């Protein structure tokens, strides 16, 4: 009976180790995904700021900017931000 108990205990320990490893891998995956989304959002914000600065300084034609935004933006609330409607 002790051999059976030892095997059951060893199997239970192995299952617990596998569960912990899976949890750690899932956590790392979630963190990497979260960081990549944050990086993308930061890039989008910086590009937007750079473009708006160029339009404000007259380095980029405002009509071309509005035309580009009219093609790219479809949601009514977003279009209202740029006075496209």
PDB file of N, CA and C in Angstrom:
ATOM      1  N   UNK A   1       0.812  -1.196   0.000  1.00  0.00           N
ATOM      2  CA  UNK A   1       0.000   0.000   0.000  1.00  0.00           C
ATOM      3  C   UNK A   1       0.858   1.264   0.000  1.00  0.00           C
ATOM      4  N   UNK A   2       2.011   1.266   0.611  1.00  0.00           N
ATOM      5  CA  UNK A   2       2.841   2.455   0.646  1.00  0.00           C
ATOM      6  C   UNK A   2       3.379   2.806  -0.727  1.00  0.00           C
ATOM      7  N   UNK A   3       3.663   1.814  -1.564  1.00  0.00           N
ATOM      8  CA  UNK A   3       4.141   2.091  -2.918  1.00  0.00           C
ATOM      9  C   UNK A   3       3.070   2.824  -3.718  1.00  0.00           C
ATOM     10  N   UNK A   4       1.824   2.385  -3.587  1.00  0.00           N
ATOM     11  CA  UNK A   4       0.715   3.034  -4.275  1.00  0.00           C
ATOM     12  C   UNK A   4       0.549   4.470  -3.783  1.00  0.00           C
ATOM     13  N   UNK A   5       0.634   4.671  -2.472  1.00  0.00           N
ATOM     14  CA  UNK A   5       0.500   6.022  -1.908  1.00  0.00           C
ATOM     15  C   UNK A   5       1.622   6.930  -2.405  1.00  0.00           C
ATOM     16  N   UNK A   6       2.833   6.399  -2.479  1.00  0.00           N
ATOM     17  CA  UNK A   6       3.968   7.183  -2.966  1.00  0.00           C
ATOM     18  C   UNK A   6       3.767   7.578  -4.425  1.00  0.00           C
ATOM     19  N   UNK A   7       3.266   6.648  -5.215  1.00  0.00           N
ATOM     20  CA  UNK A   7       3.032   6.952  -6.644  1.00  0.00           C
ATOM     21  C   UNK A   7       1.931   7.990  -6.815  1.00  0.00           C
ATOM     22  N   UNK A   8       0.880   7.850  -6.026  1.00  0.00           N
ATOM     23  CA  UNK A   8      -0.217   8.828  -6.094  1.00  0.00           C
ATOM     24  C   UNK A   8       0.289  10.206  -5.683  1.00  0.00           C
ATOM     25  N   UNK A   9       1.068  10.255  -4.613  1.00  0.00           N
ATOM     26  CA  UNK A   9       1.625  11.530  -4.146  1.00  0.00           C
ATOM     27  C   UNK A   9       2.560  12.132  -5.188  1.00  0.00           C
ATOM     28  N   UNK A  10       3.416  11.295  -5.789  1.00  0.00           N
ATOM     29  CA  UNK A  10       4.340  11.783  -6.818  1.00  0.00           C
ATOM     30  C   UNK A  10       3.578  12.305  -8.029  1.00  0.00           C
ATOM     31  N   UNK A  11       2.522  11.601  -8.422  1.00  0.00           N
ATOM     32  CA  UNK A  11       1.709  12.039  -9.558  1.00  0.00           C
ATOM     33  C   UNK A  11       1.018  13.361  -9.230  1.00  0.00           C
ATOM     34  N   UNK A  12       0.498  13.465  -8.014  1.00  0.00           N
ATOM     35  CA  UNK A  12      -0.149  14.717  -7.591  1.00  0.00           C
ATOM     36  C   UNK A  12       0.826  15.869  -7.590  1.00  0.00           C
ATOM     37  N   UNK A  13       2.045  15.625  -7.130  1.00  0.00           N
ATOM     38  CA  UNK A  13       3.067  16.671  -7.133  1.00  0.00           C
ATOM     39  C   UNK A  13       3.409  17.096  -8.556  1.00  0.00           C
ATOM     40  N   UNK A  14       3.502  16.121  -9.457  1.00  0.00           N
ATOM     41  CA  UNK A  14       3.834  16.432 -10.859  1.00  0.00           C
ATOM     42  C   UNK A  14       2.714  17.259 -11.494  1.00  0.00           C
ATOM     43  N   UNK A  15       1.471  16.901 -11.204  1.00  0.00           N
ATOM     44  CA  UNK A  15       0.324  17.658 -11.721  1.00  0.00           C
ATOM     45  C   UNK A  15       0.372  19.091 -11.203  1.00  0.00           C
ATOM     46  N   UNK A  16       0.659  19.244  -9.922  1.00  0.00           N
ATOM     47  CA  UNK A  16       0.753  20.591  -9.338  1.00  0.00           C
ATOM     48  C   UNK A  16       1.861  21.406 -10.005  1.00  0.00           C
ATOM     49  N   UNK A  17       3.008  20.767 -10.269  1.00  0.00           N
ATOM     50  CA  UNK A  17       4.114  21.455 -10.951  1.00  0.00           C
ATOM     51  C   UNK A  17       3.704  21.894 -12.347  1.00  0.00           C
ATOM     52  N   UNK A  18       2.996  21.013 -13.051  1.00  0.00           N
ATOM     53  CA  UNK A  18       2.546  21.351 -14.408  1.00  0.00           C
ATOM     54  C   UNK A  18       1.552  22.502 -14.382  1.00  0.00           C
ATOM     55  N   UNK A  19       0.655  22.503 -13.405  1.00  0.00           N
ATOM     56  CA  UNK A  19      -0.313  23.601 -13.279  1.00  0.00           C
ATOM     57  C   UNK A  19       0.389  24.930 -13.021  1.00  0.00           C
ATOM     58  N   UNK A  20       1.360  24.905 -12.113  1.00  0.00           N
ATOM     59  CA  UNK A  20       2.110  26.129 -11.796  1.00  0.00           C
ATOM     60  C   UNK A  20       2.888  26.628 -13.012  1.00  0.00           C
ATOM     61  N   UNK A  21       3.478  25.704 -13.757  1.00  0.00           N
ATOM     62  CA  UNK A  21       4.227  26.090 -14.956  1.00  0.00           C
ATOM     63  C   UNK A  21       3.292  26.698 -15.991  1.00  0.00           C
ATOM     64  N   UNK A  22       2.109  26.104 -16.136  1.00  0.00           N
ATOM     65  CA  UNK A  22       1.138  26.648 -17.097  1.00  0.00           C
ATOM     66  C   UNK A  22       0.670  28.034 -16.667  1.00  0.00           C
ATOM     67  N   UNK A  23       0.413  28.226 -15.383  1.00  0.00           N
ATOM     68  CA  UNK A  23       0.001  29.545 -14.877  1.00  0.00           C
ATOM     69  C   UNK A  23       1.084  30.588 -15.137  1.00  0.00           C
ATOM     70  N   UNK A  24       2.339  30.213 -14.892  1.00  0.00           N
ATOM     71  CA  UNK A  24       3.449  31.145 -15.110  1.00  0.00           C
ATOM     72  C   UNK A  24       3.580  31.505 -16.582  1.00  0.00           C
ATOM     73  N   UNK A  25       3.413  30.509 -17.456  1.00  0.00           N
ATOM     74  CA  UNK A  25       3.502  30.769 -18.899  1.00  0.00           C
ATOM     75  C   UNK A  25       2.363  31.668 -19.350  1.00  0.00           C
ATOM     76  N   UNK A  26       1.151  31.439 -18.838  1.00  0.00           N
ATOM     77  CA  UNK A  26       0.010  32.281 -19.197  1.00  0.00           C
ATOM     78  C   UNK A  26       0.203  33.716 -18.701  1.00  0.00           C
ATOM     79  N   UNK A  27       0.744  33.853 -17.513  1.00  0.00           N
ATOM     80  CA  UNK A  27       0.986  35.193 -16.968  1.00  0.00           C
ATOM     81  C   UNK A  27       2.011  35.937 -17.809  1.00  0.00           C
ATOM     82  N   UNK A  28       3.081  35.258 -18.191  1.00  0.00           N
ATOM     83  CA  UNK A  28       4.103  35.882 -19.036  1.00  0.00           C
ATOM     84  C   UNK A  28       3.523  36.281 -20.387  1.00  0.00           C
ATOM     85  N   UNK A  29       2.672  35.438 -20.929  1.00  0.00           N
ATOM     86  CA  UNK A  29       2.044  35.733 -22.218  1.00  0.00           C
ATOM     87  C   UNK A  29       1.137  36.958 -22.118  1.00  0.00           C
ATOM     88  N   UNK A  30       0.345  37.026 -21.036  1.00  0.00           N
ATOM     89  CA  UNK A  30      -0.532  38.188 -20.836  1.00  0.00           C
ATOM     90  C   UNK A  30       0.273  39.467 -20.681  1.00  0.00           C
ATOM     91  N   UNK A  31       1.367  39.401 -19.934  1.00  0.00           N
ATOM     92  CA  UNK A  31       2.208  40.582 -19.728  1.00  0.00           C
ATOM     93  C   UNK A  31       2.831  41.043 -21.039  1.00  0.00           C
ATOM     94  N   UNK A  32       3.298  40.098 -21.857  1.00  0.00           N
ATOM     95  CA  UNK A  32       3.898  40.456 -23.141  1.00  0.00           C
ATOM     96  C   UNK A  32       2.857  41.090 -24.059  1.00  0.00           C
ATOM     97  N   UNK A  33       1.649  40.545 -24.064  1.00  0.00           N
ATOM     98  CA  UNK A  33       0.577  41.101 -24.888  1.00  0.00           C
ATOM     99  C   UNK A  33       0.210  42.510 -24.423  1.00  0.00           C
ATOM    100  N   UNK A  34       0.103  42.675 -23.107  1.00  0.00           N
ATOM    101  CA  UNK A  34      -0.230  43.985 -22.543  1.00  0.00           C
ATOM    102  C   UNK A  34       0.835  45.017 -22.891  1.00  0.00           C
ATOM    103  N   UNK A  35       2.101  44.624 -22.806  1.00  0.00           N
ATOM    104  CA  UNK A  35       3.191  45.544 -23.124  1.00  0.00           C
ATOM    105  C   UNK A  35       3.194  45.902 -24.603  1.00  0.00           C
ATOM    106  N   UNK A  36       2.922  44.936 -25.472  1.00  0.00           N
ATOM    107  CA  UNK A  36       2.917  45.229 -26.913  1.00  0.00           C
ATOM    108  C   UNK A  36       1.782  46.186 -27.260  1.00  0.00           C
ATOM    109  N   UNK A  37       0.626  46.027 -26.600  1.00  0.00           N
ATOM    110  CA  UNK A  37      -0.487  46.963 -26.832  1.00  0.00           C
ATOM    111  C   UNK A  37      -0.125  48.363 -26.330  1.00  0.00           C
ATOM    112  N   UNK A  38       0.502  48.439 -25.186  1.00  0.00           N
ATOM    113  CA  UNK A  38       0.905  49.739 -24.635  1.00  0.00           C
ATOM    114  C   UNK A  38       1.926  50.404 -25.553  1.00  0.00           C
ATOM    115  N   UNK A  39       2.868  49.631 -26.077  1.00  0.00           N
ATOM    116  CA  UNK A  39       3.869  50.176 -27.000  1.00  0.00           C
ATOM    117  C   UNK A  39       3.192  50.705 -28.258  1.00  0.00           C
ATOM    118  N   UNK A  40       2.241  49.943 -28.800  1.00  0.00           N
ATOM    119  CA  UNK A  40       1.545  50.377 -30.014  1.00  0.00           C
ATOM    120  C   UNK A  40       0.754  51.656 -29.757  1.00  0.00           C
ATOM    121  N   UNK A  41       0.045  51.726 -28.643  1.00  0.00           N
ATOM    122  CA  UNK A  41      -0.715  52.931 -28.313  1.00  0.00           C
ATOM    123  C   UNK A  41       0.203  54.140 -28.182  1.00  0.00           C
ATOM    124  N   UNK A  42       1.360  53.944 -27.583  1.00  0.00           N
ATOM    125  CA  UNK A  42       2.327  55.043 -27.426  1.00  0.00           C
ATOM    126  C   UNK A  42       2.832  55.512 -28.787  1.00  0.00           C
ATOM    127  N   UNK A  43       3.129  54.565 -29.685  1.00  0.00           N
ATOM    128  CA  UNK A  43       3.584  54.919 -31.036  1.00  0.00           C
ATOM    129  C   UNK A  43       2.512  55.707 -31.778  1.00  0.00           C
ATOM    130  N   UNK A  44       1.265  55.248 -31.679  1.00  0.00           N
ATOM    131  CA  UNK A  44       0.162  55.933 -32.359  1.00  0.00           C
ATOM    132  C   UNK A  44       0.036  57.363 -31.847  1.00  0.00           C
ATOM    133  N   UNK A  45       0.140  57.530 -30.540  1.00  0.00           N
ATOM    134  CA  UNK A  45       0.029  58.866 -29.963  1.00  0.00           C
ATOM    135  C   UNK A  45       1.172  59.765 -30.443  1.00  0.00           C
ATOM    136  N   UNK A  46       2.392  59.242 -30.454  1.00  0.00           N
ATOM    137  CA  UNK A  46       3.533  60.048 -30.873  1.00  0.00           C
ATOM    138  C   UNK A  46       3.462  60.421 -32.352  1.00  0.00           C
ATOM    139  N   UNK A  47       3.040  59.491 -33.180  1.00  0.00           N
ATOM    140  CA  UNK A  47       2.900  59.791 -34.616  1.00  0.00           C
ATOM    141  C   UNK A  47       1.829  60.853 -34.814  1.00  0.00           C
ATOM    142  N   UNK A  48       0.719  60.709 -34.087  1.00  0.00           N
ATOM    143  CA  UNK A  48      -0.346  61.705 -34.187  1.00  0.00           C
ATOM    144  C   UNK A  48       0.122  63.090 -33.779  1.00  0.00           C
ATOM    145  N   UNK A  49       0.871  63.152 -32.709  1.00  0.00           N
ATOM    146  CA  UNK A  49       1.395  64.445 -32.263  1.00  0.00           C
ATOM    147  C   UNK A  49       2.333  65.050 -33.295  1.00  0.00           C
ATOM    148  N   UNK A  50       3.180  64.234 -33.885  1.00  0.00           N
ATOM    149  CA  UNK A  50       4.130  64.728 -34.886  1.00  0.00           C
ATOM    150  C   UNK A  50       3.391  65.267 -36.109  1.00  0.00           C
ATOM    151  N   UNK A  51       2.369  64.542 -36.540  1.00  0.00           N
ATOM    152  CA  UNK A  51       1.601  64.976 -37.724  1.00  0.00           C
ATOM    153  C   UNK A  51       0.869  66.278 -37.424  1.00  0.00           C
ATOM    154  N   UNK A  52       0.196  66.332 -36.280  1.00  0.00           N
ATOM    155  CA  UNK A  52      -0.530  67.558 -35.931  1.00  0.00           C
ATOM    156  C   UNK A  52       0.408  68.751 -35.803  1.00  0.00           C
ATOM    157  N   UNK A  53       1.591  68.537 -35.246  1.00  0.00           N
ATOM    158  CA  UNK A  53       2.569  69.622 -35.140  1.00  0.00           C
ATOM    159  C   UNK A  53       2.958  70.137 -36.517  1.00  0.00           C
ATOM    160  N   UNK A  54       3.172  69.213 -37.462  1.00  0.00           N
ATOM    161  CA  UNK A  54       3.544  69.639 -38.818  1.00  0.00           C
ATOM    162  C   UNK A  54       2.415  70.421 -39.480  1.00  0.00           C
ATOM    163  N   UNK A  55       1.178  70.001 -39.264  1.00  0.00           N
ATOM    164  CA  UNK A  55       0.031  70.722 -39.832  1.00  0.00           C
ATOM    165  C   UNK A  55      -0.055  72.111 -39.210  1.00  0.00           C
ATOM    166  N   UNK A  56       0.103  72.178 -37.888  1.00  0.00           N
ATOM    167  CA  UNK A  56       0.021  73.467 -37.201  1.00  0.00           C
ATOM    168  C   UNK A  56       1.118  74.431 -37.637  1.00  0.00           C
ATOM    169  N   UNK A  57       2.319  73.926 -37.923  1.00  0.00           N
ATOM    170  CA  UNK A  57       3.437  74.779 -38.346  1.00  0.00           C
ATOM    171  C   UNK A  57       3.399  75.084 -39.833  1.00  0.00           C
ATOM    172  N   UNK A  58       2.455  74.485 -40.546  1.00  0.00           N
ATOM    173  CA  UNK A  58       2.335  74.730 -41.977  1.00  0.00           C
ATOM    174  C   UNK A  58       3.293  73.906 -42.820  1.00  0.00           C
ATOM    175  N   UNK A  59       3.929  72.906 -42.232  1.00  0.00           N
ATOM    176  CA  UNK A  59       4.842  72.043 -42.978  1.00  0.00           C
ATOM    177  C   UNK A  59       4.087  70.990 -43.783  1.00  0.00           C
ATOM    178  N   UNK A  60       2.845  70.792 -43.424  1.00  0.00           N
ATOM    179  CA  UNK A  60       2.003  69.844 -44.148  1.00  0.00           C
ATOM    180  C   UNK A  60       0.703  70.563 -44.473  1.00  0.00           C
ATOM    181  N   UNK A  61       0.267  70.489 -45.710  1.00  0.00           N
ATOM    182  CA  UNK A  61      -0.933  71.170 -46.161  1.00  0.00           C
ATOM    183  C   UNK A  61      -2.152  70.659 -45.389  1.00  0.00           C
ATOM    184  N   UNK A  62      -2.913  71.583 -44.827  1.00  0.00           N
ATOM    185  CA  UNK A  62      -4.067  71.201 -44.014  1.00  0.00           C
ATOM    186  C   UNK A  62      -5.148  70.514 -44.836  1.00  0.00           C
ATOM    187  N   UNK A  63      -5.314  70.928 -46.104  1.00  0.00           N
ATOM    188  CA  UNK A  63      -6.309  70.270 -46.959  1.00  0.00           C
ATOM    189  C   UNK A  63      -5.940  68.811 -47.221  1.00  0.00           C
ATOM    190  N   UNK A  64      -4.653  68.548 -47.436  1.00  0.00           N
ATOM    191  CA  UNK A  64      -4.211  67.161 -47.631  1.00  0.00           C
ATOM    192  C   UNK A  64      -4.430  66.345 -46.356  1.00  0.00           C
ATOM    193  N   UNK A  65      -4.172  66.984 -45.220  1.00  0.00           N
ATOM    194  CA  UNK A  65      -4.390  66.315 -43.935  1.00  0.00           C
ATOM    195  C   UNK A  65      -5.863  65.961 -43.768  1.00  0.00           C
ATOM    196  N   UNK A  66      -6.740  66.922 -44.032  1.00  0.00           N
ATOM    197  CA  UNK A  66      -8.176  66.670 -43.894  1.00  0.00           C
ATOM    198  C   UNK A  66      -8.645  65.579 -44.854  1.00  0.00           C
ATOM    199  N   UNK A  67      -8.120  65.582 -46.070  1.00  0.00           N
ATOM    200  CA  UNK A  67      -8.477  64.552 -47.046  1.00  0.00           C
ATOM    201  C   UNK A  67      -8.039  63.169 -46.539  1.00  0.00           C
ATOM    202  N   UNK A  68      -6.817  63.097 -45.992  1.00  0.00           N
ATOM    203  CA  UNK A  68      -6.320  61.836 -45.452  1.00  0.00           C
ATOM    204  C   UNK A  68      -7.206  61.369 -44.298  1.00  0.00           C
ATOM    205  N   UNK A  69      -7.566  62.278 -43.405  1.00  0.00           N
ATOM    206  CA  UNK A  69      -8.389  61.910 -42.267  1.00  0.00           C
ATOM    207  C   UNK A  69      -9.808  61.536 -42.699  1.00  0.00           C
ATOM    208  N   UNK A  70     -10.331  62.190 -43.700  1.00  0.00           N
ATOM    209  CA  UNK A  70     -11.672  61.859 -44.194  1.00  0.00           C
ATOM    210  C   UNK A  70     -11.701  60.428 -44.735  1.00  0.00           C
ATOM    211  N   UNK A  71     -10.614  60.007 -45.366  1.00  0.00           N
ATOM    212  CA  UNK A  71     -10.527  58.631 -45.876  1.00  0.00           C
ATOM    213  C   UNK A  71     -10.324  57.618 -44.755  1.00  0.00           C
ATOM    214  N   UNK A  72      -9.629  58.011 -43.704  1.00  0.00           N
ATOM    215  CA  UNK A  72      -9.230  57.063 -42.665  1.00  0.00           C
ATOM    216  C   UNK A  72     -10.232  56.933 -41.524  1.00  0.00           C
ATOM    217  N   UNK A  73     -11.020  57.974 -41.262  1.00  0.00           N
ATOM    218  CA  UNK A  73     -11.887  57.986 -40.083  1.00  0.00           C
ATOM    219  C   UNK A  73     -13.331  57.778 -40.510  1.00  0.00           C
ATOM    220  N   UNK A  74     -14.006  56.820 -39.854  1.00  0.00           N
ATOM    221  CA  UNK A  74     -15.383  56.530 -40.255  1.00  0.00           C
ATOM    222  C   UNK A  74     -16.409  56.744 -39.139  1.00  0.00           C
ATOM    223  N   UNK A  75     -16.012  56.633 -37.890  1.00  0.00           N
ATOM    224  CA  UNK A  75     -16.969  56.796 -36.792  1.00  0.00           C
ATOM    225  C   UNK A  75     -17.376  58.260 -36.660  1.00  0.00           C
ATOM    226  N   UNK A  76     -18.665  58.514 -36.522  1.00  0.00           N
ATOM    227  CA  UNK A  76     -19.160  59.903 -36.445  1.00  0.00           C
ATOM    228  C   UNK A  76     -18.493  60.729 -35.342  1.00  0.00           C
ATOM    229  N   UNK A  77     -18.292  60.151 -34.180  1.00  0.00           N
ATOM    230  CA  UNK A  77     -17.661  60.910 -33.079  1.00  0.00           C
ATOM    231  C   UNK A  77     -16.220  61.276 -33.431  1.00  0.00           C
ATOM    232  N   UNK A  78     -15.511  60.354 -34.092  1.00  0.00           N
ATOM    233  CA  UNK A  78     -14.125  60.625 -34.488  1.00  0.00           C
ATOM    234  C   UNK A  78     -14.080  61.665 -35.597  1.00  0.00           C
ATOM    235  N   UNK A  79     -15.020  61.581 -36.524  1.00  0.00           N
ATOM    236  CA  UNK A  79     -15.074  62.562 -37.625  1.00  0.00           C
ATOM    237  C   UNK A  79     -15.359  63.958 -37.069  1.00  0.00           C
ATOM    238  N   UNK A  80     -16.183  64.027 -36.036  1.00  0.00           N
ATOM    239  CA  UNK A  80     -16.510  65.327 -35.423  1.00  0.00           C
ATOM    240  C   UNK A  80     -15.271  65.956 -34.799  1.00  0.00           C
ATOM    241  N   UNK A  81     -14.341  65.139 -34.292  1.00  0.00           N
ATOM    242  CA  UNK A  81     -13.103  65.697 -33.717  1.00  0.00           C
ATOM    243  C   UNK A  81     -12.308  66.506 -34.741  1.00  0.00           C
ATOM    244  N   UNK A  82     -12.392  66.101 -36.000  1.00  0.00           N
ATOM    245  CA  UNK A  82     -11.642  66.770 -37.054  1.00  0.00           C
ATOM    246  C   UNK A  82     -12.527  67.647 -37.930  1.00  0.00           C
ATOM    247  N   UNK A  83     -13.744  67.900 -37.492  1.00  0.00           N
ATOM    248  CA  UNK A  83     -14.715  68.713 -38.250  1.00  0.00           C
ATOM    249  C   UNK A  83     -14.832  68.225 -39.686  1.00  0.00           C
ATOM    250  N   UNK A  84     -15.049  66.922 -39.862  1.00  0.00           N
ATOM    251  CA  UNK A  84     -15.114  66.352 -41.210  1.00  0.00           C
ATOM    252  C   UNK A  84     -16.538  66.274 -41.741  1.00  0.00           C
ATOM    253  N   UNK A  85     -17.523  66.450 -40.884  1.00  0.00           N
ATOM    254  CA  UNK A  85     -18.916  66.389 -41.358  1.00  0.00           C
ATOM    255  C   UNK A  85     -19.572  67.723 -41.314  1.00  0.00           C
TER     256      UNK A  85
END
